[in-house]
Amino acid sequence: MELGLIAIGAGLAVGITGLASGWAEKDVGAAAVGAMTEDPSLFGKGMILMVLPETIVIFGLVVAILLIFVTGASV
């Protein structure tokens, strides 16, 4: 039972952070494309700003791995 709840928590950690990242990238991507249409030299800055929301998913993945391997090992 506990292992199933840990798996649900790990899935939620990755899933919710993935949704939040997609939501953030939607706004950042629209702004970056709009800025690049006016000034193509902003491509590099737009790419960096598109990568930043992805770190949220990486943090969620780290939490999920910690949940499964650290907490799950004691079950």
N, C-alpha and C. Protein backbone atom coordinates (compact mmCIF):
# COMPACT_ATOMS: atom_id res chain seq x y z
N MET A 1 0.82 -1.20 0.00
CA MET A 1 0.00 0.00 0.00
C MET A 1 0.86 1.26 0.00
N GLU A 2 1.90 1.27 0.88
CA GLU A 2 2.75 2.45 0.94
C GLU A 2 3.53 2.65 -0.35
N LEU A 3 3.97 1.56 -0.96
CA LEU A 3 4.73 1.67 -2.20
C LEU A 3 3.86 2.27 -3.32
N GLY A 4 2.58 1.94 -3.33
CA GLY A 4 1.67 2.51 -4.32
C GLY A 4 1.47 4.00 -4.11
N LEU A 5 1.38 4.42 -2.86
CA LEU A 5 1.24 5.85 -2.58
C LEU A 5 2.51 6.61 -2.93
N ILE A 6 3.66 5.99 -2.72
CA ILE A 6 4.92 6.62 -3.11
C ILE A 6 4.97 6.79 -4.62
N ALA A 7 4.52 5.78 -5.36
CA ALA A 7 4.50 5.85 -6.82
C ALA A 7 3.54 6.94 -7.30
N ILE A 8 2.40 7.06 -6.64
CA ILE A 8 1.45 8.13 -7.01
C ILE A 8 2.07 9.50 -6.73
N GLY A 9 2.74 9.64 -5.59
CA GLY A 9 3.40 10.91 -5.27
C GLY A 9 4.49 11.25 -6.26
N ALA A 10 5.26 10.25 -6.68
CA ALA A 10 6.32 10.49 -7.67
C ALA A 10 5.71 10.89 -9.01
N GLY A 11 4.64 10.23 -9.39
CA GLY A 11 3.98 10.58 -10.65
C GLY A 11 3.40 11.97 -10.62
N LEU A 12 2.82 12.35 -9.49
CA LEU A 12 2.29 13.71 -9.35
C LEU A 12 3.41 14.74 -9.38
N ALA A 13 4.55 14.41 -8.78
CA ALA A 13 5.67 15.35 -8.77
C ALA A 13 6.14 15.66 -10.19
N VAL A 14 6.23 14.64 -11.01
CA VAL A 14 6.68 14.86 -12.39
C VAL A 14 5.55 15.45 -13.24
N GLY A 15 4.33 14.96 -13.06
CA GLY A 15 3.21 15.42 -13.89
C GLY A 15 2.85 16.86 -13.66
N ILE A 16 2.76 17.26 -12.40
CA ILE A 16 2.36 18.65 -12.11
C ILE A 16 3.46 19.62 -12.53
N THR A 17 4.72 19.25 -12.30
CA THR A 17 5.80 20.14 -12.74
C THR A 17 5.86 20.21 -14.27
N GLY A 18 5.52 19.11 -14.94
CA GLY A 18 5.47 19.14 -16.40
C GLY A 18 4.38 20.07 -16.91
N LEU A 19 3.22 20.03 -16.27
CA LEU A 19 2.13 20.94 -16.66
C LEU A 19 2.51 22.40 -16.40
N ALA A 20 3.12 22.65 -15.25
CA ALA A 20 3.53 24.02 -14.92
C ALA A 20 4.59 24.53 -15.90
N SER A 21 5.50 23.65 -16.28
CA SER A 21 6.53 24.04 -17.23
C SER A 21 5.93 24.35 -18.60
N GLY A 22 4.99 23.54 -19.03
CA GLY A 22 4.33 23.81 -20.31
C GLY A 22 3.55 25.11 -20.29
N TRP A 23 2.92 25.38 -19.17
CA TRP A 23 2.17 26.62 -19.03
C TRP A 23 3.11 27.84 -19.09
N ALA A 24 4.25 27.73 -18.43
CA ALA A 24 5.22 28.82 -18.45
C ALA A 24 5.85 28.98 -19.83
N GLU A 25 6.15 27.87 -20.47
CA GLU A 25 6.77 27.95 -21.80
C GLU A 25 5.84 28.53 -22.84
N LYS A 26 4.54 28.36 -22.65
CA LYS A 26 3.58 28.95 -23.58
C LYS A 26 3.74 30.47 -23.60
N ASP A 27 3.81 31.07 -22.44
CA ASP A 27 3.92 32.53 -22.37
C ASP A 27 5.30 33.01 -22.80
N VAL A 28 6.33 32.31 -22.34
CA VAL A 28 7.69 32.70 -22.69
C VAL A 28 7.93 32.53 -24.19
N GLY A 29 7.43 31.43 -24.75
CA GLY A 29 7.61 31.18 -26.17
C GLY A 29 6.93 32.22 -27.04
N ALA A 30 5.73 32.60 -26.67
CA ALA A 30 5.02 33.62 -27.44
C ALA A 30 5.77 34.95 -27.39
N ALA A 31 6.26 35.31 -26.22
CA ALA A 31 7.01 36.56 -26.09
C ALA A 31 8.34 36.50 -26.85
N ALA A 32 9.01 35.34 -26.80
CA ALA A 32 10.29 35.20 -27.49
C ALA A 32 10.12 35.28 -29.00
N VAL A 33 9.09 34.64 -29.52
CA VAL A 33 8.86 34.68 -30.97
C VAL A 33 8.49 36.11 -31.39
N GLY A 34 7.69 36.78 -30.59
CA GLY A 34 7.34 38.17 -30.90
C GLY A 34 8.56 39.08 -30.89
N ALA A 35 9.45 38.86 -29.94
CA ALA A 35 10.66 39.69 -29.87
C ALA A 35 11.60 39.38 -31.04
N MET A 36 11.68 38.09 -31.43
CA MET A 36 12.57 37.73 -32.53
C MET A 36 12.06 38.21 -33.88
N THR A 37 10.75 38.39 -34.01
CA THR A 37 10.25 38.93 -35.28
C THR A 37 10.64 40.39 -35.45
N GLU A 38 10.78 41.10 -34.34
CA GLU A 38 11.19 42.50 -34.41
C GLU A 38 12.71 42.64 -34.50
N ASP A 39 13.44 41.77 -33.79
CA ASP A 39 14.91 41.86 -33.78
C ASP A 39 15.49 40.44 -33.76
N PRO A 40 15.93 39.93 -34.91
CA PRO A 40 16.44 38.55 -34.97
C PRO A 40 17.67 38.29 -34.10
N SER A 41 18.35 39.32 -33.65
CA SER A 41 19.53 39.11 -32.80
C SER A 41 19.14 38.64 -31.40
N LEU A 42 17.86 38.63 -31.07
CA LEU A 42 17.40 38.18 -29.75
C LEU A 42 17.16 36.68 -29.69
N PHE A 43 17.60 35.95 -30.73
CA PHE A 43 17.37 34.51 -30.77
C PHE A 43 18.02 33.79 -29.60
N GLY A 44 19.26 34.13 -29.29
CA GLY A 44 19.97 33.48 -28.19
C GLY A 44 19.30 33.70 -26.85
N LYS A 45 18.88 34.94 -26.61
CA LYS A 45 18.19 35.24 -25.35
C LYS A 45 16.85 34.51 -25.28
N GLY A 46 16.17 34.40 -26.40
CA GLY A 46 14.90 33.68 -26.43
C GLY A 46 15.09 32.20 -26.13
N MET A 47 16.17 31.61 -26.65
CA MET A 47 16.45 30.20 -26.39
C MET A 47 16.77 29.97 -24.92
N ILE A 48 17.54 30.87 -24.32
CA ILE A 48 17.86 30.74 -22.90
C ILE A 48 16.59 30.85 -22.06
N LEU A 49 15.72 31.78 -22.40
CA LEU A 49 14.48 31.94 -21.65
C LEU A 49 13.54 30.76 -21.84
N MET A 50 13.65 30.06 -22.96
CA MET A 50 12.81 28.87 -23.17
C MET A 50 13.31 27.69 -22.34
N VAL A 51 14.59 27.67 -22.02
CA VAL A 51 15.15 26.55 -21.25
C VAL A 51 14.85 26.69 -19.76
N LEU A 52 14.72 27.90 -19.27
CA LEU A 52 14.53 28.12 -17.84
C LEU A 52 13.31 27.39 -17.25
N PRO A 53 12.15 27.40 -17.89
CA PRO A 53 11.02 26.65 -17.29
C PRO A 53 11.25 25.14 -17.24
N GLU A 54 12.13 24.62 -18.08
CA GLU A 54 12.40 23.19 -18.07
C GLU A 54 13.09 22.74 -16.79
N THR A 55 13.75 23.68 -16.10
CA THR A 55 14.40 23.30 -14.84
C THR A 55 13.37 22.88 -13.80
N ILE A 56 12.16 23.38 -13.91
CA ILE A 56 11.11 22.98 -12.99
C ILE A 56 10.83 21.48 -13.12
N VAL A 57 10.83 20.98 -14.34
CA VAL A 57 10.59 19.55 -14.56
C VAL A 57 11.75 18.73 -14.02
N ILE A 58 12.96 19.25 -14.17
CA ILE A 58 14.12 18.53 -13.64
C ILE A 58 14.02 18.43 -12.13
N PHE A 59 13.59 19.50 -11.47
CA PHE A 59 13.41 19.44 -10.02
C PHE A 59 12.33 18.44 -9.63
N GLY A 60 11.25 18.39 -10.38
CA GLY A 60 10.20 17.40 -10.13
C GLY A 60 10.71 15.98 -10.32
N LEU A 61 11.55 15.77 -11.32
CA LEU A 61 12.13 14.46 -11.55
C LEU A 61 13.05 14.06 -10.41
N VAL A 62 13.83 15.01 -9.91
CA VAL A 62 14.71 14.73 -8.78
C VAL A 62 13.89 14.35 -7.55
N VAL A 63 12.80 15.06 -7.31
CA VAL A 63 11.93 14.73 -6.17
C VAL A 63 11.34 13.34 -6.35
N ALA A 64 10.92 13.01 -7.56
CA ALA A 64 10.35 11.68 -7.81
C ALA A 64 11.39 10.58 -7.59
N ILE A 65 12.60 10.81 -8.04
CA ILE A 65 13.66 9.82 -7.85
C ILE A 65 13.95 9.65 -6.36
N LEU A 66 14.01 10.77 -5.63
CA LEU A 66 14.23 10.67 -4.20
C LEU A 66 13.09 9.93 -3.50
N LEU A 67 11.86 10.19 -3.93
CA LEU A 67 10.72 9.49 -3.33
C LEU A 67 10.81 7.98 -3.56
N ILE A 68 11.15 7.59 -4.77
CA ILE A 68 11.15 6.18 -5.10
C ILE A 68 12.33 5.46 -4.45
N PHE A 69 13.52 6.03 -4.57
CA PHE A 69 14.69 5.30 -4.13
C PHE A 69 15.03 5.48 -2.65
N VAL A 70 14.74 6.63 -2.08
CA VAL A 70 15.06 6.85 -0.67
C VAL A 70 13.91 6.38 0.21
N THR A 71 12.72 6.87 -0.07
CA THR A 71 11.57 6.49 0.75
C THR A 71 11.12 5.08 0.42
N GLY A 72 11.14 4.70 -0.84
CA GLY A 72 10.70 3.38 -1.24
C GLY A 72 11.61 2.27 -0.77
N ALA A 73 12.88 2.59 -0.51
CA ALA A 73 13.82 1.57 -0.08
C ALA A 73 13.53 1.10 1.34
N SER A 74 12.89 1.97 2.13
CA SER A 74 12.62 1.60 3.52
C SER A 74 11.34 0.80 3.68
N VAL A 75 10.56 0.67 2.59
CA VAL A 75 9.28 -0.06 2.69
C VAL A 75 9.52 -1.55 2.64
